[in-house]
Amino acid sequence: MVQLSHENREKEVEEILNKIRPALLADEGDIELVKVEGNEVYLRLLGTCIYCPVSDMTMKDLIIYTIQHSLPWVKTVRIGQNKFEL
């Protein structure tokens, strides 16, 4: 199995976030890649996503699902204080 470099992993995550971003921007929200450490991805919600009452649903149904099915090397996603094991 080919190991991805740190830069390549960040690039892959950014590509996935760019697919998710339009749905968040439609409601004046956004998401930011904070860092990638090994198989863990750290993200931050921005804009109205910070205060959105359905942000938990957004994280699980949109962000986590998309990352899980697009990037099999990711084992954990942290969004703010929330941790999701994949």
Protein backbone atom coordinates (compact mmCIF):
# COMPACT_ATOMS: atom_id res chain seq x y z
CA MET A 1 0.00 0.00 0.00
CA VAL A 2 1.33 3.43 -0.96
CA GLN A 3 1.74 5.91 1.90
CA LEU A 4 0.54 9.42 1.15
CA SER A 5 2.74 12.31 2.16
CA HIS A 6 1.44 14.82 4.67
CA GLU A 7 0.95 17.39 1.89
CA ASN A 8 -0.95 14.90 -0.26
CA ARG A 9 -3.25 13.99 2.64
CA GLU A 10 -4.00 17.66 3.26
CA LYS A 11 -4.67 18.14 -0.45
CA GLU A 12 -7.08 15.18 -0.51
CA VAL A 13 -8.97 16.52 2.50
CA GLU A 14 -9.18 19.99 0.91
CA GLU A 15 -10.58 18.45 -2.27
CA ILE A 16 -13.34 16.76 -0.25
CA LEU A 17 -14.04 19.94 1.71
CA ASN A 18 -14.39 21.82 -1.58
CA LYS A 19 -17.18 19.40 -2.53
CA ILE A 20 -18.92 19.94 0.82
CA ARG A 21 -18.34 23.69 1.04
CA PRO A 22 -21.12 24.87 -1.34
CA ALA A 23 -23.79 23.33 0.89
CA LEU A 24 -22.36 25.14 3.91
CA LEU A 25 -21.85 28.44 2.07
CA ALA A 26 -25.51 28.41 1.02
CA ASP A 27 -26.36 29.02 4.68
CA GLU A 28 -23.42 31.41 5.24
CA GLY A 29 -21.29 28.75 6.91
CA ASP A 30 -17.98 27.18 6.01
CA ILE A 31 -15.44 24.61 7.12
CA GLU A 32 -11.69 24.84 7.48
CA LEU A 33 -8.95 22.23 7.58
CA VAL A 34 -6.92 22.87 10.72
CA LYS A 35 -4.42 20.03 10.32
CA VAL A 36 -3.85 16.41 9.41
CA GLU A 37 -1.92 14.23 11.87
CA GLY A 38 -1.42 10.68 10.69
CA ASN A 39 -4.90 9.26 10.13
CA GLU A 40 -6.65 12.06 12.04
CA VAL A 41 -8.23 15.09 10.39
CA TYR A 42 -8.91 18.25 12.40
CA LEU A 43 -11.56 20.62 11.08
CA ARG A 44 -13.20 23.83 12.27
CA LEU A 45 -16.71 25.05 11.48
CA LEU A 46 -16.97 28.71 10.51
CA GLY A 47 -19.66 31.34 10.00
CA THR A 48 -23.23 30.39 10.84
CA CYS A 49 -22.18 26.74 11.20
CA ILE A 50 -20.70 27.62 14.59
CA TYR A 51 -24.12 28.48 16.03
CA CYS A 52 -26.34 26.29 13.86
CA PRO A 53 -28.75 24.12 15.87
CA VAL A 54 -28.38 21.29 13.35
CA SER A 55 -24.57 21.38 13.10
CA ASP A 56 -24.35 17.93 14.74
CA MET A 57 -26.53 16.51 11.97
CA THR A 58 -24.48 18.37 9.35
CA MET A 59 -21.26 16.96 10.76
CA LYS A 60 -22.47 13.38 10.85
CA ASP A 61 -24.61 13.26 7.72
CA LEU A 62 -22.59 15.42 5.37
CA ILE A 63 -19.02 15.91 6.49
CA ILE A 64 -18.25 12.61 8.23
CA TYR A 65 -20.10 10.52 5.65
CA THR A 66 -18.30 12.19 2.74
CA ILE A 67 -14.86 11.90 4.29
CA GLN A 68 -15.45 8.30 5.37
CA HIS A 69 -16.48 7.19 1.89
CA SER A 70 -13.91 9.26 0.00
CA LEU A 71 -10.77 8.91 2.11
CA PRO A 72 -10.39 5.40 3.54
CA TRP A 73 -7.09 6.30 5.25
CA VAL A 74 -8.92 8.67 7.63
CA LYS A 75 -9.75 6.92 10.91
CA THR A 76 -10.75 9.91 13.07
CA VAL A 77 -12.28 13.29 12.30
CA ARG A 78 -12.28 16.02 14.91
CA ILE A 79 -14.53 18.99 14.34
CA GLY A 80 -14.02 21.48 17.10
CA GLN A 81 -14.48 19.55 20.34
CA ASN A 82 -16.32 16.68 18.63
CA LYS A 83 -14.47 13.46 17.80
CA PHE A 84 -15.80 10.95 15.27
CA GLU A 85 -14.20 7.53 14.90
CA LEU A 86 -14.64 6.09 11.40
